[in-house]
């Protein structure tokens, strides 16, 4: 009944064995079954490798730290489903330090032949680097139990490799349409590759998935704050709580604001009272800026040194105005 799904799993395994990247974007409205699709395809891949047991704990990552950890720890050829962790691949203004680290790491996974699944609501939300250069297949779940697969146009002269503009000419498509009507439209798309059905995940696996997902989403919600939104809250708190912050800082042994102070004073949303970011997120942002400053200083110093060398080794730089040493 699900022969085409198993055929897709075979292609994934074969591609990985051929030392080629395999990164699949899985999109669809909330509740259509993006993660269920990924789980079922992964189970089919594992079964073909002689592994009958699917571990929710082992093969699904729920935050950025887990993605990094599992990329390093999973055995060669393993699948990895990035659930809420797919936020790192979004083109919005999330934690840029982590996003850059993960983007660099994702580009280096080929030797391990990992099969990466990125679950994300909309394909257009994805960072262009992932969408244009890393994604090998796009699975769209228009309605529960049905998936449509697209592949990129590798023509070197093609700017829109996924032909996203084609969708604008297809009229309205929603999850309540009959699947045959959807296929009539989508099959005309230049990137259309395949269609197959997939079964629901059994209750035991799904319950464990929901348990871990809810736990990690709650624990990691501070990591997904939009930096622009956080900047607005920080400026508001600086304005309203400046005197309080100065008093607190004056009592610190180092006489400077700490990350904890930033969390307690600057990161609290004035309406909800929730902390918007955690200490490790703030420290990551600070390191990102510090790296940029250091890079700028290095380039400036390099320019000065090149100017000295161009003027003649061992000679003083002369002021053009008075011909005196600067």
C-alpha atoms as a PDB file:
ATOM      1  CA  UNK A   1       0.000   0.000   0.000  1.00  0.00           C
ATOM      2  CA  UNK A   2       2.911   2.344   0.696  1.00  0.00           C
ATOM      3  CA  UNK A   3       5.264   1.087  -2.012  1.00  0.00           C
ATOM      4  CA  UNK A   4       6.158   4.582  -3.233  1.00  0.00           C
ATOM      5  CA  UNK A   5       7.115   5.680   0.272  1.00  0.00           C
ATOM      6  CA  UNK A   6       9.461   2.684   0.537  1.00  0.00           C
ATOM      7  CA  UNK A   7      10.843   3.505  -2.916  1.00  0.00           C
ATOM      8  CA  UNK A   8      11.631   7.029  -1.684  1.00  0.00           C
ATOM      9  CA  UNK A   9      13.378   5.524   1.361  1.00  0.00           C
ATOM     10  CA  UNK A  10      15.454   3.366  -0.999  1.00  0.00           C
ATOM     11  CA  UNK A  11      16.493   6.451  -2.958  1.00  0.00           C
ATOM     12  CA  UNK A  12      17.531   8.164   0.273  1.00  0.00           C
ATOM     13  CA  UNK A  13      19.640   5.217   1.363  1.00  0.00           C
ATOM     14  CA  UNK A  14      21.206   4.837  -2.079  1.00  0.00           C
ATOM     15  CA  UNK A  15      22.027   8.537  -2.323  1.00  0.00           C
ATOM     16  CA  UNK A  16      23.680   8.502   1.086  1.00  0.00           C
ATOM     17  CA  UNK A  17      25.743   5.462   0.170  1.00  0.00           C
ATOM     18  CA  UNK A  18      26.895   7.275  -2.967  1.00  0.00           C
ATOM     19  CA  UNK A  19      28.559   9.948  -0.804  1.00  0.00           C
ATOM     20  CA  UNK A  20      25.980  12.583  -1.757  1.00  0.00           C
ATOM     21  CA  UNK A  21      24.195  14.988   0.582  1.00  0.00           C
ATOM     22  CA  UNK A  22      20.622  14.237   1.580  1.00  0.00           C
ATOM     23  CA  UNK A  23      18.672  17.015   3.267  1.00  0.00           C
ATOM     24  CA  UNK A  24      14.883  17.059   3.017  1.00  0.00           C
ATOM     25  CA  UNK A  25      12.622  20.006   3.809  1.00  0.00           C
ATOM     26  CA  UNK A  26       9.236  18.866   5.161  1.00  0.00           C
ATOM     27  CA  UNK A  27       6.534  21.535   5.066  1.00  0.00           C
ATOM     28  CA  UNK A  28       2.826  21.803   5.723  1.00  0.00           C
ATOM     29  CA  UNK A  29       0.265  23.449   7.937  1.00  0.00           C
ATOM     30  CA  UNK A  30       0.223  22.666  11.634  1.00  0.00           C
ATOM     31  CA  UNK A  31      -1.460  19.323  12.226  1.00  0.00           C
ATOM     32  CA  UNK A  32      -1.051  17.933   8.709  1.00  0.00           C
ATOM     33  CA  UNK A  33       1.632  15.480   9.858  1.00  0.00           C
ATOM     34  CA  UNK A  34       5.074  16.835   8.952  1.00  0.00           C
ATOM     35  CA  UNK A  35       6.857  14.978  11.727  1.00  0.00           C
ATOM     36  CA  UNK A  36       4.705  11.888  11.189  1.00  0.00           C
ATOM     37  CA  UNK A  37       5.826  11.834   7.547  1.00  0.00           C
ATOM     38  CA  UNK A  38       9.478  12.163   8.569  1.00  0.00           C
ATOM     39  CA  UNK A  39       9.144   9.407  11.178  1.00  0.00           C
ATOM     40  CA  UNK A  40       7.557   6.996   8.709  1.00  0.00           C
ATOM     41  CA  UNK A  41      10.148   7.655   5.999  1.00  0.00           C
ATOM     42  CA  UNK A  42      12.942   7.284   8.553  1.00  0.00           C
ATOM     43  CA  UNK A  43      11.464   3.996   9.789  1.00  0.00           C
ATOM     44  CA  UNK A  44      11.386   2.746   6.195  1.00  0.00           C
ATOM     45  CA  UNK A  45      15.035   3.791   5.727  1.00  0.00           C
ATOM     46  CA  UNK A  46      16.078   2.043   8.942  1.00  0.00           C
ATOM     47  CA  UNK A  47      14.164  -1.118   8.071  1.00  0.00           C
ATOM     48  CA  UNK A  48      16.029  -1.359   4.771  1.00  0.00           C
ATOM     49  CA  UNK A  49      19.248  -1.137   6.805  1.00  0.00           C
ATOM     50  CA  UNK A  50      18.099  -4.035   8.996  1.00  0.00           C
ATOM     51  CA  UNK A  51      17.051  -1.862  11.940  1.00  0.00           C
ATOM     52  CA  UNK A  52      13.488  -2.638  13.022  1.00  0.00           C
ATOM     53  CA  UNK A  53      13.298  -0.299  16.018  1.00  0.00           C
ATOM     54  CA  UNK A  54      12.738   3.457  15.724  1.00  0.00           C
ATOM     55  CA  UNK A  55      13.893   5.511  18.709  1.00  0.00           C
ATOM     56  CA  UNK A  56      12.219   8.891  19.191  1.00  0.00           C
ATOM     57  CA  UNK A  57      14.946   9.814  21.677  1.00  0.00           C
ATOM     58  CA  UNK A  58      17.751   8.926  19.279  1.00  0.00           C
ATOM     59  CA  UNK A  59      16.606  10.193  15.908  1.00  0.00           C
ATOM     60  CA  UNK A  60      14.698  13.420  16.665  1.00  0.00           C
ATOM     61  CA  UNK A  61      16.249  16.723  17.770  1.00  0.00           C
ATOM     62  CA  UNK A  62      14.072  19.361  19.408  1.00  0.00           C
ATOM     63  CA  UNK A  63      16.479  22.275  19.818  1.00  0.00           C
ATOM     64  CA  UNK A  64      19.659  23.628  18.265  1.00  0.00           C
ATOM     65  CA  UNK A  65      21.967  22.146  20.898  1.00  0.00           C
ATOM     66  CA  UNK A  66      20.523  18.685  20.232  1.00  0.00           C
ATOM     67  CA  UNK A  67      21.006  19.098  16.491  1.00  0.00           C
ATOM     68  CA  UNK A  68      24.700  19.804  17.021  1.00  0.00           C
ATOM     69  CA  UNK A  69      25.072  16.962  19.510  1.00  0.00           C
ATOM     70  CA  UNK A  70      23.320  14.383  17.337  1.00  0.00           C
ATOM     71  CA  UNK A  71      25.213  15.364  14.169  1.00  0.00           C
ATOM     72  CA  UNK A  72      28.414  14.548  16.049  1.00  0.00           C
ATOM     73  CA  UNK A  73      27.180  11.430  17.877  1.00  0.00           C
ATOM     74  CA  UNK A  74      24.891   9.576  15.454  1.00  0.00           C
ATOM     75  CA  UNK A  75      26.499   6.673  13.558  1.00  0.00           C
ATOM     76  CA  UNK A  76      27.341   7.052   9.895  1.00  0.00           C
ATOM     77  CA  UNK A  77      24.316   6.828   7.617  1.00  0.00           C
ATOM     78  CA  UNK A  78      21.824   7.674  10.364  1.00  0.00           C
ATOM     79  CA  UNK A  79      18.693   9.766   9.863  1.00  0.00           C
ATOM     80  CA  UNK A  80      18.063  12.906  11.913  1.00  0.00           C
ATOM     81  CA  UNK A  81      14.695  14.641  12.188  1.00  0.00           C
ATOM     82  CA  UNK A  82      14.960  18.304  13.181  1.00  0.00           C
ATOM     83  CA  UNK A  83      11.580  19.131  14.658  1.00  0.00           C
ATOM     84  CA  UNK A  84      11.335  22.469  16.468  1.00  0.00           C
ATOM     85  CA  UNK A  85      15.089  22.651  15.885  1.00  0.00           C
ATOM     86  CA  UNK A  86      14.387  23.530  12.246  1.00  0.00           C
ATOM     87  CA  UNK A  87      14.058  27.131  13.452  1.00  0.00           C
ATOM     88  CA  UNK A  88      17.812  27.421  12.946  1.00  0.00           C
ATOM     89  CA  UNK A  89      17.207  27.073   9.205  1.00  0.00           C
ATOM     90  CA  UNK A  90      14.611  29.833   9.043  1.00  0.00           C
ATOM     91  CA  UNK A  91      15.420  33.058   7.256  1.00  0.00           C
ATOM     92  CA  UNK A  92      14.038  35.236  10.053  1.00  0.00           C
ATOM     93  CA  UNK A  93      16.145  37.017  12.645  1.00  0.00           C
ATOM     94  CA  UNK A  94      16.674  34.169  15.102  1.00  0.00           C
ATOM     95  CA  UNK A  95      19.837  33.601  17.088  1.00  0.00           C
ATOM     96  CA  UNK A  96      22.352  34.321  14.333  1.00  0.00           C
ATOM     97  CA  UNK A  97      25.360  32.928  16.207  1.00  0.00           C
ATOM     98  CA  UNK A  98      23.766  29.485  16.495  1.00  0.00           C
ATOM     99  CA  UNK A  99      22.372  29.639  12.970  1.00  0.00           C
ATOM    100  CA  UNK A 100      25.814  30.331  11.488  1.00  0.00           C
ATOM    101  CA  UNK A 101      27.353  27.534  13.533  1.00  0.00           C
ATOM    102  CA  UNK A 102      24.699  25.052  12.409  1.00  0.00           C
ATOM    103  CA  UNK A 103      24.880  26.192   8.790  1.00  0.00           C
ATOM    104  CA  UNK A 104      28.624  25.600   8.795  1.00  0.00           C
ATOM    105  CA  UNK A 105      28.163  22.243  10.504  1.00  0.00           C
ATOM    106  CA  UNK A 106      25.417  21.174   8.099  1.00  0.00           C
ATOM    107  CA  UNK A 107      27.768  21.834   5.191  1.00  0.00           C
ATOM    108  CA  UNK A 108      30.326  19.448   6.704  1.00  0.00           C
ATOM    109  CA  UNK A 109      28.183  16.354   7.354  1.00  0.00           C
ATOM    110  CA  UNK A 110      28.803  14.604   4.025  1.00  0.00           C
ATOM    111  CA  UNK A 111      31.447  12.198   5.371  1.00  0.00           C
ATOM    112  CA  UNK A 112      28.837  10.803   7.792  1.00  0.00           C
ATOM    113  CA  UNK A 113      26.141  10.420   5.088  1.00  0.00           C
ATOM    114  CA  UNK A 114      23.453  11.585   7.504  1.00  0.00           C
ATOM    115  CA  UNK A 115      19.926  11.986   6.189  1.00  0.00           C
ATOM    116  CA  UNK A 116      18.607  15.279   7.583  1.00  0.00           C
ATOM    117  CA  UNK A 117      14.891  16.139   7.740  1.00  0.00           C
ATOM    118  CA  UNK A 118      13.978  19.767   8.457  1.00  0.00           C
ATOM    119  CA  UNK A 119      10.345  20.190   9.540  1.00  0.00           C
ATOM    120  CA  UNK A 120       9.178  23.749   8.961  1.00  0.00           C
ATOM    121  CA  UNK A 121       5.696  25.216   8.255  1.00  0.00           C
ATOM    122  CA  UNK A 122       6.487  27.017   4.984  1.00  0.00           C
ATOM    123  CA  UNK A 123       9.240  26.458   2.447  1.00  0.00           C
ATOM    124  CA  UNK A 124       9.613  30.190   1.828  1.00  0.00           C
ATOM    125  CA  UNK A 125      10.474  30.737   5.504  1.00  0.00           C
ATOM    126  CA  UNK A 126      13.684  28.791   5.097  1.00  0.00           C
ATOM    127  CA  UNK A 127      17.016  30.568   4.929  1.00  0.00           C
ATOM    128  CA  UNK A 128      18.058  30.914   1.294  1.00  0.00           C
ATOM    129  CA  UNK A 129      21.392  29.153   1.927  1.00  0.00           C
ATOM    130  CA  UNK A 130      19.550  26.003   2.970  1.00  0.00           C
ATOM    131  CA  UNK A 131      16.793  26.331   0.389  1.00  0.00           C
ATOM    132  CA  UNK A 132      18.997  26.968  -2.632  1.00  0.00           C
ATOM    133  CA  UNK A 133      22.214  25.104  -1.802  1.00  0.00           C
ATOM    134  CA  UNK A 134      21.510  22.309   0.696  1.00  0.00           C
ATOM    135  CA  UNK A 135      17.959  20.971   0.292  1.00  0.00           C
ATOM    136  CA  UNK A 136      17.895  17.985  -2.061  1.00  0.00           C
ATOM    137  CA  UNK A 137      14.176  17.174  -1.799  1.00  0.00           C
ATOM    138  CA  UNK A 138      11.128  19.087  -0.624  1.00  0.00           C
ATOM    139  CA  UNK A 139       8.211  17.139   0.823  1.00  0.00           C
ATOM    140  CA  UNK A 140       4.969  19.129   1.040  1.00  0.00           C
ATOM    141  CA  UNK A 141       2.151  17.668   3.159  1.00  0.00           C
ATOM    142  CA  UNK A 142      -1.011  19.302   1.736  1.00  0.00           C
ATOM    143  CA  UNK A 143      -3.345  17.154   3.820  1.00  0.00           C
ATOM    144  CA  UNK A 144      -2.902  14.404   6.380  1.00  0.00           C
ATOM    145  CA  UNK A 145      -1.592  11.142   4.967  1.00  0.00           C
ATOM    146  CA  UNK A 146      -0.539  12.569   1.588  1.00  0.00           C
ATOM    147  CA  UNK A 147       2.823  13.961   0.484  1.00  0.00           C
ATOM    148  CA  UNK A 148       4.063  15.615  -2.700  1.00  0.00           C
ATOM    149  CA  UNK A 149       7.788  15.595  -3.472  1.00  0.00           C
ATOM    150  CA  UNK A 150       9.649  18.299  -5.379  1.00  0.00           C
ATOM    151  CA  UNK A 151      13.249  18.408  -6.595  1.00  0.00           C
ATOM    152  CA  UNK A 152      15.351  21.449  -7.556  1.00  0.00           C
ATOM    153  CA  UNK A 153      16.221  22.508 -11.079  1.00  0.00           C
ATOM    154  CA  UNK A 154      20.008  22.081 -11.301  1.00  0.00           C
ATOM    155  CA  UNK A 155      20.339  24.075 -14.502  1.00  0.00           C
ATOM    156  CA  UNK A 156      23.329  26.367 -13.741  1.00  0.00           C
ATOM    157  CA  UNK A 157      21.506  29.346 -15.235  1.00  0.00           C
ATOM    158  CA  UNK A 158      18.381  28.888 -13.120  1.00  0.00           C
ATOM    159  CA  UNK A 159      17.990  31.484 -10.359  1.00  0.00           C
ATOM    160  CA  UNK A 160      14.766  30.107  -8.859  1.00  0.00           C
ATOM    161  CA  UNK A 161      15.801  26.446  -8.593  1.00  0.00           C
ATOM    162  CA  UNK A 162      12.458  25.464  -7.023  1.00  0.00           C
ATOM    163  CA  UNK A 163      10.315  27.463  -9.495  1.00  0.00           C
ATOM    164  CA  UNK A 164       8.359  28.991  -6.637  1.00  0.00           C
ATOM    165  CA  UNK A 165       6.703  31.452  -9.004  1.00  0.00           C
ATOM    166  CA  UNK A 166       4.856  28.535 -10.622  1.00  0.00           C
ATOM    167  CA  UNK A 167       2.629  28.284  -7.557  1.00  0.00           C
ATOM    168  CA  UNK A 168       1.265  31.776  -8.143  1.00  0.00           C
ATOM    169  CA  UNK A 169      -0.340  30.599 -11.384  1.00  0.00           C
ATOM    170  CA  UNK A 170      -2.017  27.532  -9.887  1.00  0.00           C
ATOM    171  CA  UNK A 171      -4.838  29.151  -7.979  1.00  0.00           C
ATOM    172  CA  UNK A 172      -5.815  28.571  -4.386  1.00  0.00           C
ATOM    173  CA  UNK A 173      -4.889  25.244  -2.795  1.00  0.00           C
ATOM    174  CA  UNK A 174      -5.843  24.334   0.768  1.00  0.00           C
ATOM    175  CA  UNK A 175      -5.882  21.265   3.005  1.00  0.00           C
ATOM    176  CA  UNK A 176      -9.636  20.764   2.540  1.00  0.00           C
ATOM    177  CA  UNK A 177      -9.368  20.175  -1.207  1.00  0.00           C
ATOM    178  CA  UNK A 178      -9.647  16.649  -2.524  1.00  0.00           C
ATOM    179  CA  UNK A 179      -6.167  15.203  -3.045  1.00  0.00           C
ATOM    180  CA  UNK A 180      -6.921  14.450  -6.695  1.00  0.00           C
ATOM    181  CA  UNK A 181      -7.792  18.112  -7.294  1.00  0.00           C
ATOM    182  CA  UNK A 182      -4.562  19.163  -5.600  1.00  0.00           C
ATOM    183  CA  UNK A 183      -2.542  16.734  -7.718  1.00  0.00           C
ATOM    184  CA  UNK A 184      -4.169  17.997 -10.923  1.00  0.00           C
ATOM    185  CA  UNK A 185      -2.718  21.421 -10.147  1.00  0.00           C
ATOM    186  CA  UNK A 186       0.611  20.473  -8.578  1.00  0.00           C
ATOM    187  CA  UNK A 187       1.585  17.871 -11.183  1.00  0.00           C
ATOM    188  CA  UNK A 188       2.016  20.749 -13.661  1.00  0.00           C
ATOM    189  CA  UNK A 189       4.697  22.318 -11.496  1.00  0.00           C
ATOM    190  CA  UNK A 190       8.165  22.091 -13.068  1.00  0.00           C
ATOM    191  CA  UNK A 191       9.654  20.792  -9.816  1.00  0.00           C
ATOM    192  CA  UNK A 192       7.040  18.064  -9.259  1.00  0.00           C
ATOM    193  CA  UNK A 193       8.750  14.710  -8.808  1.00  0.00           C
ATOM    194  CA  UNK A 194       6.501  12.224  -6.992  1.00  0.00           C
ATOM    195  CA  UNK A 195       3.457  11.699  -4.807  1.00  0.00           C
ATOM    196  CA  UNK A 196       2.862   9.061  -2.155  1.00  0.00           C
ATOM    197  CA  UNK A 197       0.696   8.317   0.830  1.00  0.00           C
ATOM    198  CA  UNK A 198       2.046   7.608   4.295  1.00  0.00           C
ATOM    199  CA  UNK A 199       0.480   5.908   7.338  1.00  0.00           C
ATOM    200  CA  UNK A 200      -0.216   7.429  10.743  1.00  0.00           C
ATOM    201  CA  UNK A 201       2.425   6.906  13.414  1.00  0.00           C
ATOM    202  CA  UNK A 202       1.463   4.298  15.997  1.00  0.00           C
ATOM    203  CA  UNK A 203       0.196   5.671  19.301  1.00  0.00           C
ATOM    204  CA  UNK A 204       3.158   4.570  21.430  1.00  0.00           C
ATOM    205  CA  UNK A 205       5.734   6.333  19.254  1.00  0.00           C
ATOM    206  CA  UNK A 206       3.572   9.430  18.808  1.00  0.00           C
ATOM    207  CA  UNK A 207       2.927   9.795  22.542  1.00  0.00           C
ATOM    208  CA  UNK A 208       6.654   9.621  23.272  1.00  0.00           C
ATOM    209  CA  UNK A 209       7.329  12.170  20.552  1.00  0.00           C
ATOM    210  CA  UNK A 210       4.729  14.585  21.955  1.00  0.00           C
ATOM    211  CA  UNK A 211       6.087  14.132  25.477  1.00  0.00           C
ATOM    212  CA  UNK A 212       9.641  15.051  24.445  1.00  0.00           C
ATOM    213  CA  UNK A 213       8.571  17.800  22.079  1.00  0.00           C
ATOM    214  CA  UNK A 214       6.438  19.580  24.667  1.00  0.00           C
ATOM    215  CA  UNK A 215       9.214  19.282  27.236  1.00  0.00           C
ATOM    216  CA  UNK A 216      11.881  20.761  24.973  1.00  0.00           C
ATOM    217  CA  UNK A 217       9.683  23.453  23.440  1.00  0.00           C
ATOM    218  CA  UNK A 218       8.904  24.712  26.940  1.00  0.00           C
ATOM    219  CA  UNK A 219      12.513  24.575  28.059  1.00  0.00           C
ATOM    220  CA  UNK A 220      13.955  26.150  24.912  1.00  0.00           C
ATOM    221  CA  UNK A 221      11.356  28.789  24.038  1.00  0.00           C
ATOM    222  CA  UNK A 222      13.785  31.522  25.122  1.00  0.00           C
ATOM    223  CA  UNK A 223      16.224  30.445  22.390  1.00  0.00           C
ATOM    224  CA  UNK A 224      13.802  31.329  19.598  1.00  0.00           C
ATOM    225  CA  UNK A 225      13.264  35.000  20.266  1.00  0.00           C
ATOM    226  CA  UNK A 226      13.422  37.389  17.335  1.00  0.00           C
ATOM    227  CA  UNK A 227      16.399  39.684  17.948  1.00  0.00           C
ATOM    228  CA  UNK A 228      14.517  42.730  16.631  1.00  0.00           C
ATOM    229  CA  UNK A 229      11.668  42.120  19.039  1.00  0.00           C
ATOM    230  CA  UNK A 230      14.129  41.600  21.870  1.00  0.00           C
ATOM    231  CA  UNK A 231      15.871  44.881  20.991  1.00  0.00           C
ATOM    232  CA  UNK A 232      12.586  46.758  21.424  1.00  0.00           C
ATOM    233  CA  UNK A 233      11.984  45.195  24.836  1.00  0.00           C
ATOM    234  CA  UNK A 234      15.584  45.852  25.896  1.00  0.00           C
ATOM    235  CA  UNK A 235      15.338  49.550  24.950  1.00  0.00           C
ATOM    236  CA  UNK A 236      12.070  49.860  26.840  1.00  0.00           C
ATOM    237  CA  UNK A 237      13.590  48.285  29.945  1.00  0.00           C
ATOM    238  CA  UNK A 238      16.689  50.477  29.688  1.00  0.00           C
ATOM    239  CA  UNK A 239      14.459  53.528  29.657  1.00  0.00           C
ATOM    240  CA  UNK A 240      12.098  52.426  32.417  1.00  0.00           C
ATOM    241  CA  UNK A 241      14.498  50.533  34.703  1.00  0.00           C
ATOM    242  CA  UNK A 242      17.737  52.449  34.228  1.00  0.00           C
ATOM    243  CA  UNK A 243      17.998  53.675  37.832  1.00  0.00           C
ATOM    244  CA  UNK A 244      17.278  50.175  39.140  1.00  0.00           C
ATOM    245  CA  UNK A 245      19.893  48.681  36.851  1.00  0.00           C
ATOM    246  CA  UNK A 246      22.533  51.258  37.873  1.00  0.00           C
ATOM    247  CA  UNK A 247      21.905  50.541  41.544  1.00  0.00           C
ATOM    248  CA  UNK A 248      22.191  46.804  40.983  1.00  0.00           C
ATOM    249  CA  UNK A 249      25.382  47.179  38.919  1.00  0.00           C
ATOM    250  CA  UNK A 250      27.017  49.391  41.576  1.00  0.00           C
ATOM    251  CA  UNK A 251      26.728  46.530  44.039  1.00  0.00           C
ATOM    252  CA  UNK A 252      28.480  44.045  41.757  1.00  0.00           C
ATOM    253  CA  UNK A 253      32.056  43.252  42.626  1.00  0.00           C
ATOM    254  CA  UNK A 254      33.191  43.912  39.040  1.00  0.00           C
ATOM    255  CA  UNK A 255      31.104  47.115  38.816  1.00  0.00           C
ATOM    256  CA  UNK A 256      29.727  46.071  35.462  1.00  0.00           C
ATOM    257  CA  UNK A 257      26.492  44.557  34.218  1.00  0.00           C
ATOM    258  CA  UNK A 258      26.442  40.769  34.249  1.00  0.00           C
ATOM    259  CA  UNK A 259      24.613  38.388  31.944  1.00  0.00           C
ATOM    260  CA  UNK A 260      22.319  37.539  34.833  1.00  0.00           C
ATOM    261  CA  UNK A 261      21.497  41.238  35.252  1.00  0.00           C
ATOM    262  CA  UNK A 262      20.747  41.445  31.559  1.00  0.00           C
ATOM    263  CA  UNK A 263      18.367  38.513  31.897  1.00  0.00           C
ATOM    264  CA  UNK A 264      16.703  39.876  35.051  1.00  0.00           C
ATOM    265  CA  UNK A 265      16.415  43.517  33.998  1.00  0.00           C
ATOM    266  CA  UNK A 266      16.600  43.797  30.222  1.00  0.00           C
ATOM    267  CA  UNK A 267      15.097  40.509  29.042  1.00  0.00           C
ATOM    268  CA  UNK A 268      11.791  40.546  30.925  1.00  0.00           C
ATOM    269  CA  UNK A 269       8.814  41.331  28.717  1.00  0.00           C
ATOM    270  CA  UNK A 270       6.942  44.247  30.330  1.00  0.00           C
ATOM    271  CA  UNK A 271       3.520  42.792  29.479  1.00  0.00           C
ATOM    272  CA  UNK A 272       3.820  39.037  29.987  1.00  0.00           C
ATOM    273  CA  UNK A 273       6.589  39.159  32.601  1.00  0.00           C
ATOM    274  CA  UNK A 274       8.373  36.282  30.805  1.00  0.00           C
ATOM    275  CA  UNK A 275      12.111  36.190  30.226  1.00  0.00           C
ATOM    276  CA  UNK A 276      12.671  36.508  26.503  1.00  0.00           C
ATOM    277  CA  UNK A 277      16.162  34.993  26.365  1.00  0.00           C
ATOM    278  CA  UNK A 278      18.474  32.888  28.502  1.00  0.00           C
ATOM    279  CA  UNK A 279      22.038  33.659  29.595  1.00  0.00           C
ATOM    280  CA  UNK A 280      23.653  31.382  27.021  1.00  0.00           C
ATOM    281  CA  UNK A 281      21.702  33.091  24.233  1.00  0.00           C
ATOM    282  CA  UNK A 282      22.836  36.528  25.374  1.00  0.00           C
ATOM    283  CA  UNK A 283      26.444  35.409  25.684  1.00  0.00           C
ATOM    284  CA  UNK A 284      26.244  34.002  22.155  1.00  0.00           C
ATOM    285  CA  UNK A 285      25.034  37.342  20.811  1.00  0.00           C
ATOM    286  CA  UNK A 286      27.831  39.167  22.638  1.00  0.00           C
ATOM    287  CA  UNK A 287      30.432  36.753  21.212  1.00  0.00           C
ATOM    288  CA  UNK A 288      29.011  37.305  17.735  1.00  0.00           C
ATOM    289  CA  UNK A 289      29.477  41.077  18.054  1.00  0.00           C
ATOM    290  CA  UNK A 290      32.916  40.631  19.659  1.00  0.00           C
ATOM    291  CA  UNK A 291      34.001  38.455  16.723  1.00  0.00           C
ATOM    292  CA  UNK A 292      32.837  41.141  14.286  1.00  0.00           C
ATOM    293  CA  UNK A 293      34.752  43.836  16.196  1.00  0.00           C
ATOM    294  CA  UNK A 294      37.892  41.697  16.258  1.00  0.00           C
ATOM    295  CA  UNK A 295      37.587  40.994  12.542  1.00  0.00           C
ATOM    296  CA  UNK A 296      37.218  44.718  11.821  1.00  0.00           C
ATOM    297  CA  UNK A 297      40.245  45.548  13.995  1.00  0.00           C
ATOM    298  CA  UNK A 298      42.294  42.871  12.250  1.00  0.00           C
ATOM    299  CA  UNK A 299      41.405  44.261   8.828  1.00  0.00           C
ATOM    300  CA  UNK A 300      42.196  47.809   9.983  1.00  0.00           C
ATOM    301  CA  UNK A 301      45.573  46.744  11.372  1.00  0.00           C
ATOM    302  CA  UNK A 302      46.317  44.891   8.164  1.00  0.00           C
ATOM    303  CA  UNK A 303      45.597  48.062   6.199  1.00  0.00           C
ATOM    304  CA  UNK A 304      47.929  50.104   8.403  1.00  0.00           C
ATOM    305  CA  UNK A 305      50.699  47.553   8.028  1.00  0.00           C
ATOM    306  CA  UNK A 306      50.291  47.479   4.265  1.00  0.00           C
ATOM    307  CA  UNK A 307      50.517  51.288   4.268  1.00  0.00           C
ATOM    308  CA  UNK A 308      53.816  51.131   6.158  1.00  0.00           C
ATOM    309  CA  UNK A 309      55.220  48.555   3.757  1.00  0.00           C
ATOM    310  CA  UNK A 310      54.133  50.582   0.722  1.00  0.00           C
ATOM    311  CA  UNK A 311      55.930  53.672   2.044  1.00  0.00           C
ATOM    312  CA  UNK A 312      59.235  51.858   2.246  1.00  0.00           C
ATOM    313  CA  UNK A 313      60.481  49.561   4.966  1.00  0.00           C
ATOM    314  CA  UNK A 314      62.023  51.451   7.869  1.00  0.00           C
ATOM    315  CA  UNK A 315      60.929  54.892   6.617  1.00  0.00           C
ATOM    316  CA  UNK A 316      58.659  57.259   8.538  1.00  0.00           C
ATOM    317  CA  UNK A 317      55.246  58.066   7.154  1.00  0.00           C
ATOM    318  CA  UNK A 318      55.296  61.756   6.082  1.00  0.00           C
ATOM    319  CA  UNK A 319      52.468  64.190   6.456  1.00  0.00           C
ATOM    320  CA  UNK A 320      51.669  65.603   2.992  1.00  0.00           C
ATOM    321  CA  UNK A 321      50.883  68.981   4.588  1.00  0.00           C
ATOM    322  CA  UNK A 322      54.172  69.773   6.306  1.00  0.00           C
ATOM    323  CA  UNK A 323      56.461  66.925   5.270  1.00  0.00           C
ATOM    324  CA  UNK A 324      57.065  66.125   8.945  1.00  0.00           C
ATOM    325  CA  UNK A 325      56.894  62.665  10.469  1.00  0.00           C
ATOM    326  CA  UNK A 326      53.367  61.803  11.585  1.00  0.00           C
END
